[in-house]
Structures are given as C-alpha cells and as structure tokens.
Amino acid sequence: MAEITNELMYETLKKVHADLSSVKTTVGELKSEMNNFRGHLHAMQGDIKSIYTVLARHDGQLERIEHRLELRELAEAQAKFDRDN
C-alpha cells in the first residue's frame, strides 16, 4: 500500500480545491442564468397582464355595443308595431 505523505495529501487537496472552484463558478453562472430567466418571466407576466387589460376593455365595449343593438332592435320592432296600428 502506498504511503500517505504530506506531498500526496497536498496534491489531493489542490485537486479538491480546483474542483470546488469549478463548482463555485458553475453555480455562479447558473444563478446568473436564473436571474435572467426570472427577468424574462416577469416581463412575460407584464405582457399577459396588459393583454388581459385590453381584452377586458374590449369586452366592455362589446357589451355596450350589444346593449345598443338590443335597444335598436326593440325600437325597430316597436316602430313596425306602431306602423301596423
């Protein structure tokens, strides 16, 4: 069996340290990517909220138009009734 020396332990610790440094770098890159992803997600949520706002406004406008059309249809039906009498 190989003898464990200070030099062997030092070389092993240097490799572990290099691997740990690589892991820290990778984690930092992943954090950066996640923050970018989070920013895009917030932007998309804002866009969706804007779309819902526009759709709600259009829904209100359509309701008003439908109400006016119903009133006009009632008035036209009443006019036909009045002409017949």
PDB file of N, CA and C in Angstrom:
ATOM      1  N   MET A   1       0.846  -1.174   0.000  1.00  0.00           N
ATOM      2  CA  MET A   1       0.000   0.000   0.000  1.00  0.00           C
ATOM      3  C   MET A   1       0.892   1.238   0.000  1.00  0.00           C
ATOM      4  N   ALA A   2       0.434   2.269  -0.720  1.00  0.00           N
ATOM      5  CA  ALA A   2       1.244   3.482  -0.837  1.00  0.00           C
ATOM      6  C   ALA A   2       1.238   4.241   0.477  1.00  0.00           C
ATOM      7  N   GLU A   3       2.366   4.810   0.754  1.00  0.00           N
ATOM      8  CA  GLU A   3       2.497   5.576   1.989  1.00  0.00           C
ATOM      9  C   GLU A   3       1.851   6.950   1.805  1.00  0.00           C
ATOM     10  N   ILE A   4       1.081   7.374   2.785  1.00  0.00           N
ATOM     11  CA  ILE A   4       0.428   8.685   2.733  1.00  0.00           C
ATOM     12  C   ILE A   4       1.424   9.708   3.241  1.00  0.00           C
ATOM     13  N   THR A   5       1.811  10.600   2.333  1.00  0.00           N
ATOM     14  CA  THR A   5       2.769  11.640   2.698  1.00  0.00           C
ATOM     15  C   THR A   5       2.102  12.999   2.635  1.00  0.00           C
ATOM     16  N   ASN A   6       2.782  13.964   3.148  1.00  0.00           N
ATOM     17  CA  ASN A   6       2.260  15.333   3.101  1.00  0.00           C
ATOM     18  C   ASN A   6       2.126  15.815   1.664  1.00  0.00           C
ATOM     19  N   GLU A   7       3.067  15.413   0.812  1.00  0.00           N
ATOM     20  CA  GLU A   7       3.005  15.828  -0.593  1.00  0.00           C
ATOM     21  C   GLU A   7       1.780  15.231  -1.279  1.00  0.00           C
ATOM     22  N   LEU A   8       1.480  13.962  -1.011  1.00  0.00           N
ATOM     23  CA  LEU A   8       0.305  13.305  -1.601  1.00  0.00           C
ATOM     24  C   LEU A   8      -0.978  13.988  -1.123  1.00  0.00           C
ATOM     25  N   MET A   9      -1.057  14.285   0.168  1.00  0.00           N
ATOM     26  CA  MET A   9      -2.241  14.968   0.708  1.00  0.00           C
ATOM     27  C   MET A   9      -2.357  16.376   0.119  1.00  0.00           C
ATOM     28  N   TYR A  10      -1.236  17.041  -0.056  1.00  0.00           N
ATOM     29  CA  TYR A  10      -1.247  18.394  -0.617  1.00  0.00           C
ATOM     30  C   TYR A  10      -1.762  18.364  -2.064  1.00  0.00           C
ATOM     31  N   GLU A  11      -1.286  17.418  -2.863  1.00  0.00           N
ATOM     32  CA  GLU A  11      -1.742  17.299  -4.253  1.00  0.00           C
ATOM     33  C   GLU A  11      -3.234  16.967  -4.313  1.00  0.00           C
ATOM     34  N   THR A  12      -3.668  16.085  -3.432  1.00  0.00           N
ATOM     35  CA  THR A  12      -5.095  15.733  -3.391  1.00  0.00           C
ATOM     36  C   THR A  12      -5.931  16.944  -3.004  1.00  0.00           C
ATOM     37  N   LEU A  13      -5.510  17.695  -2.027  1.00  0.00           N
ATOM     38  CA  LEU A  13      -6.244  18.894  -1.607  1.00  0.00           C
ATOM     39  C   LEU A  13      -6.258  19.949  -2.708  1.00  0.00           C
ATOM     40  N   LYS A  14      -5.184  20.065  -3.481  1.00  0.00           N
ATOM     41  CA  LYS A  14      -5.150  21.009  -4.604  1.00  0.00           C
ATOM     42  C   LYS A  14      -6.201  20.626  -5.647  1.00  0.00           C
ATOM     43  N   LYS A  15      -6.329  19.309  -5.926  1.00  0.00           N
ATOM     44  CA  LYS A  15      -7.356  18.862  -6.888  1.00  0.00           C
ATOM     45  C   LYS A  15      -8.759  19.133  -6.365  1.00  0.00           C
ATOM     46  N   VAL A  16      -8.977  18.860  -5.094  1.00  0.00           N
ATOM     47  CA  VAL A  16     -10.287  19.121  -4.488  1.00  0.00           C
ATOM     48  C   VAL A  16     -10.590  20.609  -4.539  1.00  0.00           C
ATOM     49  N   HIS A  17      -9.601  21.410  -4.245  1.00  0.00           N
ATOM     50  CA  HIS A  17      -9.786  22.869  -4.279  1.00  0.00           C
ATOM     51  C   HIS A  17     -10.115  23.339  -5.701  1.00  0.00           C
ATOM     52  N   ALA A  18      -9.431  22.795  -6.697  1.00  0.00           N
ATOM     53  CA  ALA A  18      -9.700  23.175  -8.090  1.00  0.00           C
ATOM     54  C   ALA A  18     -11.108  22.761  -8.487  1.00  0.00           C
ATOM     55  N   ASP A  19     -11.519  21.556  -8.078  1.00  0.00           N
ATOM     56  CA  ASP A  19     -12.881  21.095  -8.382  1.00  0.00           C
ATOM     57  C   ASP A  19     -13.924  21.968  -7.699  1.00  0.00           C
ATOM     58  N   LEU A  20     -13.664  22.324  -6.465  1.00  0.00           N
ATOM     59  CA  LEU A  20     -14.591  23.182  -5.727  1.00  0.00           C
ATOM     60  C   LEU A  20     -14.687  24.560  -6.373  1.00  0.00           C
ATOM     61  N   SER A  21     -13.570  25.066  -6.831  1.00  0.00           N
ATOM     62  CA  SER A  21     -13.575  26.360  -7.516  1.00  0.00           C
ATOM     63  C   SER A  21     -14.396  26.282  -8.794  1.00  0.00           C
ATOM     64  N   SER A  22     -14.276  25.175  -9.514  1.00  0.00           N
ATOM     65  CA  SER A  22     -15.065  24.978 -10.730  1.00  0.00           C
ATOM     66  C   SER A  22     -16.560  24.910 -10.409  1.00  0.00           C
ATOM     67  N   VAL A  23     -16.895  24.229  -9.323  1.00  0.00           N
ATOM     68  CA  VAL A  23     -18.304  24.133  -8.905  1.00  0.00           C
ATOM     69  C   VAL A  23     -18.840  25.517  -8.540  1.00  0.00           C
ATOM     70  N   LYS A  24     -18.048  26.307  -7.829  1.00  0.00           N
ATOM     71  CA  LYS A  24     -18.486  27.665  -7.459  1.00  0.00           C
ATOM     72  C   LYS A  24     -18.733  28.514  -8.703  1.00  0.00           C
ATOM     73  N   THR A  25     -17.857  28.385  -9.690  1.00  0.00           N
ATOM     74  CA  THR A  25     -18.023  29.145 -10.934  1.00  0.00           C
ATOM     75  C   THR A  25     -19.309  28.730 -11.650  1.00  0.00           C
ATOM     76  N   THR A  26     -19.537  27.417 -11.707  1.00  0.00           N
ATOM     77  CA  THR A  26     -20.733  26.908 -12.374  1.00  0.00           C
ATOM     78  C   THR A  26     -21.998  27.361 -11.658  1.00  0.00           C
ATOM     79  N   VAL A  27     -21.989  27.325 -10.337  1.00  0.00           N
ATOM     80  CA  VAL A  27     -23.150  27.773  -9.561  1.00  0.00           C
ATOM     81  C   VAL A  27     -23.388  29.261  -9.802  1.00  0.00           C
ATOM     82  N   GLY A  28     -22.329  30.038  -9.869  1.00  0.00           N
ATOM     83  CA  GLY A  28     -22.478  31.464 -10.158  1.00  0.00           C
ATOM     84  C   GLY A  28     -23.100  31.709 -11.522  1.00  0.00           C
ATOM     85  N   GLU A  29     -22.678  30.920 -12.518  1.00  0.00           N
ATOM     86  CA  GLU A  29     -23.260  31.046 -13.857  1.00  0.00           C
ATOM     87  C   GLU A  29     -24.733  30.656 -13.847  1.00  0.00           C
ATOM     88  N   LEU A  30     -25.059  29.594 -13.115  1.00  0.00           N
ATOM     89  CA  LEU A  30     -26.461  29.165 -13.021  1.00  0.00           C
ATOM     90  C   LEU A  30     -27.327  30.221 -12.343  1.00  0.00           C
ATOM     91  N   LYS A  31     -26.784  30.858 -11.305  1.00  0.00           N
ATOM     92  CA  LYS A  31     -27.532  31.934 -10.644  1.00  0.00           C
ATOM     93  C   LYS A  31     -27.794  33.073 -11.610  1.00  0.00           C
ATOM     94  N   SER A  32     -26.794  33.422 -12.396  1.00  0.00           N
ATOM     95  CA  SER A  32     -26.953  34.493 -13.374  1.00  0.00           C
ATOM     96  C   SER A  32     -28.018  34.136 -14.404  1.00  0.00           C
ATOM     97  N   GLU A  33     -27.984  32.900 -14.892  1.00  0.00           N
ATOM     98  CA  GLU A  33     -28.991  32.465 -15.861  1.00  0.00           C
ATOM     99  C   GLU A  33     -30.387  32.462 -15.251  1.00  0.00           C
ATOM    100  N   MET A  34     -30.494  32.034 -13.995  1.00  0.00           N
ATOM    101  CA  MET A  34     -31.799  32.037 -13.328  1.00  0.00           C
ATOM    102  C   MET A  34     -32.325  33.459 -13.157  1.00  0.00           C
ATOM    103  N   ASN A  35     -31.447  34.403 -12.824  1.00  0.00           N
ATOM    104  CA  ASN A  35     -31.881  35.796 -12.702  1.00  0.00           C
ATOM    105  C   ASN A  35     -32.353  36.342 -14.043  1.00  0.00           C
ATOM    106  N   ASN A  36     -31.652  35.983 -15.116  1.00  0.00           N
ATOM    107  CA  ASN A  36     -32.097  36.397 -16.450  1.00  0.00           C
ATOM    108  C   ASN A  36     -33.449  35.785 -16.775  1.00  0.00           C
ATOM    109  N   PHE A  37     -33.599  34.510 -16.457  1.00  0.00           N
ATOM    110  CA  PHE A  37     -34.872  33.819 -16.695  1.00  0.00           C
ATOM    111  C   PHE A  37     -35.994  34.476 -15.902  1.00  0.00           C
ATOM    112  N   ARG A  38     -35.706  34.819 -14.648  1.00  0.00           N
ATOM    113  CA  ARG A  38     -36.701  35.481 -13.800  1.00  0.00           C
ATOM    114  C   ARG A  38     -37.112  36.820 -14.404  1.00  0.00           C
ATOM    115  N   GLY A  39     -36.145  37.558 -14.946  1.00  0.00           N
ATOM    116  CA  GLY A  39     -36.469  38.834 -15.586  1.00  0.00           C
ATOM    117  C   GLY A  39     -37.374  38.661 -16.786  1.00  0.00           C
ATOM    118  N   HIS A  40     -37.082  37.651 -17.602  1.00  0.00           N
ATOM    119  CA  HIS A  40     -37.935  37.379 -18.766  1.00  0.00           C
ATOM    120  C   HIS A  40     -39.333  36.943 -18.323  1.00  0.00           C
ATOM    121  N   LEU A  41     -39.395  36.150 -17.277  1.00  0.00           N
ATOM    122  CA  LEU A  41     -40.686  35.694 -16.773  1.00  0.00           C
ATOM    123  C   LEU A  41     -41.526  36.871 -16.286  1.00  0.00           C
ATOM    124  N   HIS A  42     -40.910  37.796 -15.566  1.00  0.00           N
ATOM    125  CA  HIS A  42     -41.637  38.982 -15.100  1.00  0.00           C
ATOM    126  C   HIS A  42     -42.114  39.826 -16.282  1.00  0.00           C
ATOM    127  N   ALA A  43     -41.283  39.936 -17.306  1.00  0.00           N
ATOM    128  CA  ALA A  43     -41.682  40.701 -18.495  1.00  0.00           C
ATOM    129  C   ALA A  43     -42.873  40.041 -19.177  1.00  0.00           C
ATOM    130  N   MET A  44     -42.836  38.713 -19.274  1.00  0.00           N
ATOM    131  CA  MET A  44     -43.957  37.998 -19.891  1.00  0.00           C
ATOM    132  C   MET A  44     -45.230  38.157 -19.070  1.00  0.00           C
ATOM    133  N   GLN A  45     -45.109  38.111 -17.750  1.00  0.00           N
ATOM    134  CA  GLN A  45     -46.282  38.308 -16.902  1.00  0.00           C
ATOM    135  C   GLN A  45     -46.863  39.708 -17.094  1.00  0.00           C
ATOM    136  N   GLY A  46     -46.001  40.690 -17.241  1.00  0.00           N
ATOM    137  CA  GLY A  46     -46.479  42.049 -17.506  1.00  0.00           C
ATOM    138  C   GLY A  46     -47.190  42.141 -18.840  1.00  0.00           C
ATOM    139  N   ASP A  47     -46.637  41.477 -19.856  1.00  0.00           N
ATOM    140  CA  ASP A  47     -47.285  41.472 -21.175  1.00  0.00           C
ATOM    141  C   ASP A  47     -48.652  40.798 -21.112  1.00  0.00           C
ATOM    142  N   ILE A  48     -48.727  39.673 -20.400  1.00  0.00           N
ATOM    143  CA  ILE A  48     -50.006  38.966 -20.274  1.00  0.00           C
ATOM    144  C   ILE A  48     -51.022  39.829 -19.538  1.00  0.00           C
ATOM    145  N   LYS A  49     -50.571  40.523 -18.501  1.00  0.00           N
ATOM    146  CA  LYS A  49     -51.482  41.415 -17.775  1.00  0.00           C
ATOM    147  C   LYS A  49     -51.999  42.514 -18.694  1.00  0.00           C
ATOM    148  N   SER A  50     -51.125  43.044 -19.538  1.00  0.00           N
ATOM    149  CA  SER A  50     -51.549  44.080 -20.490  1.00  0.00           C
ATOM    150  C   SER A  50     -52.573  43.528 -21.472  1.00  0.00           C
ATOM    151  N   ILE A  51     -52.352  42.307 -21.927  1.00  0.00           N
ATOM    152  CA  ILE A  51     -53.294  41.675 -22.861  1.00  0.00           C
ATOM    153  C   ILE A  51     -54.652  41.502 -22.188  1.00  0.00           C
ATOM    154  N   TYR A  52     -54.658  41.026 -20.933  1.00  0.00           N
ATOM    155  CA  TYR A  52     -55.923  40.866 -20.220  1.00  0.00           C
ATOM    156  C   TYR A  52     -56.626  42.211 -20.032  1.00  0.00           C
ATOM    157  N   THR A  53     -55.866  43.266 -19.794  1.00  0.00           N
ATOM    158  CA  THR A  53     -56.459  44.593 -19.636  1.00  0.00           C
ATOM    159  C   THR A  53     -57.137  45.034 -20.927  1.00  0.00           C
ATOM    160  N   VAL A  54     -56.458  44.835 -22.050  1.00  0.00           N
ATOM    161  CA  VAL A  54     -57.035  45.201 -23.343  1.00  0.00           C
ATOM    162  C   VAL A  54     -58.270  44.359 -23.633  1.00  0.00           C
ATOM    163  N   LEU A  55     -58.191  43.059 -23.349  1.00  0.00           N
ATOM    164  CA  LEU A  55     -59.345  42.190 -23.580  1.00  0.00           C
ATOM    165  C   LEU A  55     -60.538  42.601 -22.715  1.00  0.00           C
ATOM    166  N   ALA A  56     -60.274  42.983 -21.475  1.00  0.00           N
ATOM    167  CA  ALA A  56     -61.363  43.430 -20.601  1.00  0.00           C
ATOM    168  C   ALA A  56     -61.992  44.702 -21.137  1.00  0.00           C
ATOM    169  N   ARG A  57     -61.159  45.611 -21.638  1.00  0.00           N
ATOM    170  CA  ARG A  57     -61.689  46.853 -22.215  1.00  0.00           C
ATOM    171  C   ARG A  57     -62.536  46.555 -23.439  1.00  0.00           C
ATOM    172  N   HIS A  58     -62.056  45.645 -24.298  1.00  0.00           N
ATOM    173  CA  HIS A  58     -62.825  45.280 -25.492  1.00  0.00           C
ATOM    174  C   HIS A  58     -64.122  44.571 -25.111  1.00  0.00           C
ATOM    175  N   ASP A  59     -64.077  43.759 -24.063  1.00  0.00           N
ATOM    176  CA  ASP A  59     -65.284  43.077 -23.599  1.00  0.00           C
ATOM    177  C   ASP A  59     -66.325  44.104 -23.156  1.00  0.00           C
ATOM    178  N   GLY A  60     -65.872  45.124 -22.445  1.00  0.00           N
ATOM    179  CA  GLY A  60     -66.802  46.181 -22.032  1.00  0.00           C
ATOM    180  C   GLY A  60     -67.390  46.924 -23.215  1.00  0.00           C
ATOM    181  N   GLN A  61     -66.550  47.193 -24.203  1.00  0.00           N
ATOM    182  CA  GLN A  61     -67.045  47.876 -25.401  1.00  0.00           C
ATOM    183  C   GLN A  61     -68.052  47.001 -26.144  1.00  0.00           C
ATOM    184  N   LEU A  62     -67.779  45.705 -26.235  1.00  0.00           N
ATOM    185  CA  LEU A  62     -68.718  44.806 -26.906  1.00  0.00           C
ATOM    186  C   LEU A  62     -70.043  44.729 -26.153  1.00  0.00           C
ATOM    187  N   GLU A  63     -69.990  44.722 -24.828  1.00  0.00           N
ATOM    188  CA  GLU A  63     -71.228  44.707 -24.048  1.00  0.00           C
ATOM    189  C   GLU A  63     -72.062  45.954 -24.320  1.00  0.00           C
ATOM    190  N   ARG A  64     -71.396  47.109 -24.392  1.00  0.00           N
ATOM    191  CA  ARG A  64     -72.133  48.347 -24.692  1.00  0.00           C
ATOM    192  C   ARG A  64     -72.734  48.295 -26.098  1.00  0.00           C
ATOM    193  N   ILE A  65     -71.983  47.772 -27.060  1.00  0.00           N
ATOM    194  CA  ILE A  65     -72.483  47.668 -28.440  1.00  0.00           C
ATOM    195  C   ILE A  65     -73.669  46.716 -28.483  1.00  0.00           C
ATOM    196  N   GLU A  66     -73.558  45.570 -27.807  1.00  0.00           N
ATOM    197  CA  GLU A  66     -74.670  44.617 -27.788  1.00  0.00           C
ATOM    198  C   GLU A  66     -75.901  45.239 -27.145  1.00  0.00           C
ATOM    199  N   HIS A  67     -75.706  46.001 -26.086  1.00  0.00           N
ATOM    200  CA  HIS A  67     -76.830  46.663 -25.421  1.00  0.00           C
ATOM    201  C   HIS A  67     -77.501  47.657 -26.377  1.00  0.00           C
ATOM    202  N   ARG A  68     -76.686  48.429 -27.093  1.00  0.00           N
ATOM    203  CA  ARG A  68     -77.256  49.387 -28.053  1.00  0.00           C
ATOM    204  C   ARG A  68     -78.014  48.661 -29.161  1.00  0.00           C
ATOM    205  N   LEU A  69     -77.462  47.555 -29.646  1.00  0.00           N
ATOM    206  CA  LEU A  69     -78.143  46.799 -30.691  1.00  0.00           C
ATOM    207  C   LEU A  69     -79.473  46.241 -30.198  1.00  0.00           C
ATOM    208  N   GLU A  70     -79.505  45.776 -28.963  1.00  0.00           N
ATOM    209  CA  GLU A  70     -80.773  45.285 -28.415  1.00  0.00           C
ATOM    210  C   GLU A  70     -81.791  46.405 -28.324  1.00  0.00           C
ATOM    211  N   LEU A  71     -81.343  47.591 -27.914  1.00  0.00           N
ATOM    212  CA  LEU A  71     -82.265  48.731 -27.847  1.00  0.00           C
ATOM    213  C   LEU A  71     -82.765  49.094 -29.232  1.00  0.00           C
ATOM    214  N   ARG A  72     -81.853  49.070 -30.221  1.00  0.00           N
ATOM    215  CA  ARG A  72     -82.252  49.398 -31.592  1.00  0.00           C
ATOM    216  C   ARG A  72     -83.237  48.352 -32.121  1.00  0.00           C
ATOM    217  N   GLU A  73     -82.980  47.086 -31.853  1.00  0.00           N
ATOM    218  CA  GLU A  73     -83.893  46.035 -32.304  1.00  0.00           C
ATOM    219  C   GLU A  73     -85.258  46.204 -31.667  1.00  0.00           C
ATOM    220  N   LEU A  74     -85.280  46.557 -30.380  1.00  0.00           N
ATOM    221  CA  LEU A  74     -86.558  46.795 -29.713  1.00  0.00           C
ATOM    222  C   LEU A  74     -87.269  47.993 -30.322  1.00  0.00           C
ATOM    223  N   ALA A  75     -86.518  49.046 -30.629  1.00  0.00           N
ATOM    224  CA  ALA A  75     -87.125  50.242 -31.224  1.00  0.00           C
ATOM    225  C   ALA A  75     -87.661  49.929 -32.623  1.00  0.00           C
ATOM    226  N   GLU A  76     -86.913  49.152 -33.406  1.00  0.00           N
ATOM    227  CA  GLU A  76     -87.382  48.796 -34.743  1.00  0.00           C
ATOM    228  C   GLU A  76     -88.629  47.927 -34.666  1.00  0.00           C
ATOM    229  N   ALA A  77     -88.647  46.993 -33.732  1.00  0.00           N
ATOM    230  CA  ALA A  77     -89.837  46.153 -33.560  1.00  0.00           C
ATOM    231  C   ALA A  77     -91.026  46.993 -33.127  1.00  0.00           C
ATOM    232  N   GLN A  78     -90.784  47.951 -32.237  1.00  0.00           N
ATOM    233  CA  GLN A  78     -91.859  48.833 -31.778  1.00  0.00           C
ATOM    234  C   GLN A  78     -92.348  49.701 -32.940  1.00  0.00           C
ATOM    235  N   ALA A  79     -91.437  50.193 -33.779  1.00  0.00           N
ATOM    236  CA  ALA A  79     -91.825  51.022 -34.915  1.00  0.00           C
ATOM    237  C   ALA A  79     -92.694  50.245 -35.883  1.00  0.00           C
ATOM    238  N   LYS A  80     -92.368  48.998 -36.125  1.00  0.00           N
ATOM    239  CA  LYS A  80     -93.184  48.159 -37.008  1.00  0.00           C
ATOM    240  C   LYS A  80     -94.569  47.966 -36.406  1.00  0.00           C
ATOM    241  N   PHE A  81     -94.613  47.775 -35.089  1.00  0.00           N
ATOM    242  CA  PHE A  81     -95.868  47.604 -34.416  1.00  0.00           C
ATOM    243  C   PHE A  81     -96.713  48.867 -34.503  1.00  0.00           C
ATOM    244  N   ASP A  82     -96.070  50.041 -34.334  1.00  0.00           N
ATOM    245  CA  ASP A  82     -96.773  51.313 -34.391  1.00  0.00           C
ATOM    246  C   ASP A  82     -97.295  51.590 -35.795  1.00  0.00           C
ATOM    247  N   ARG A  83     -96.533  51.223 -36.824  1.00  0.00           N
ATOM    248  CA  ARG A  83     -96.981  51.452 -38.203  1.00  0.00           C
ATOM    249  C   ARG A  83     -98.182  50.564 -38.554  1.00  0.00           C
ATOM    250  N   ASP A  84     -98.209  49.379 -37.992  1.00  0.00           N
ATOM    251  CA  ASP A  84     -99.304  48.458 -38.295  1.00  0.00           C
ATOM    252  C   ASP A  84    -100.614  48.915 -37.659  1.00  0.00           C
ATOM    253  N   ASN A  85    -100.550  49.682 -36.603  1.00  0.00           N
ATOM    254  CA  ASN A  85    -101.769  50.131 -35.929  1.00  0.00           C
ATOM    255  C   ASN A  85    -102.226  51.394 -36.487  1.00  0.00           C
TER     256      ASN A  85
END
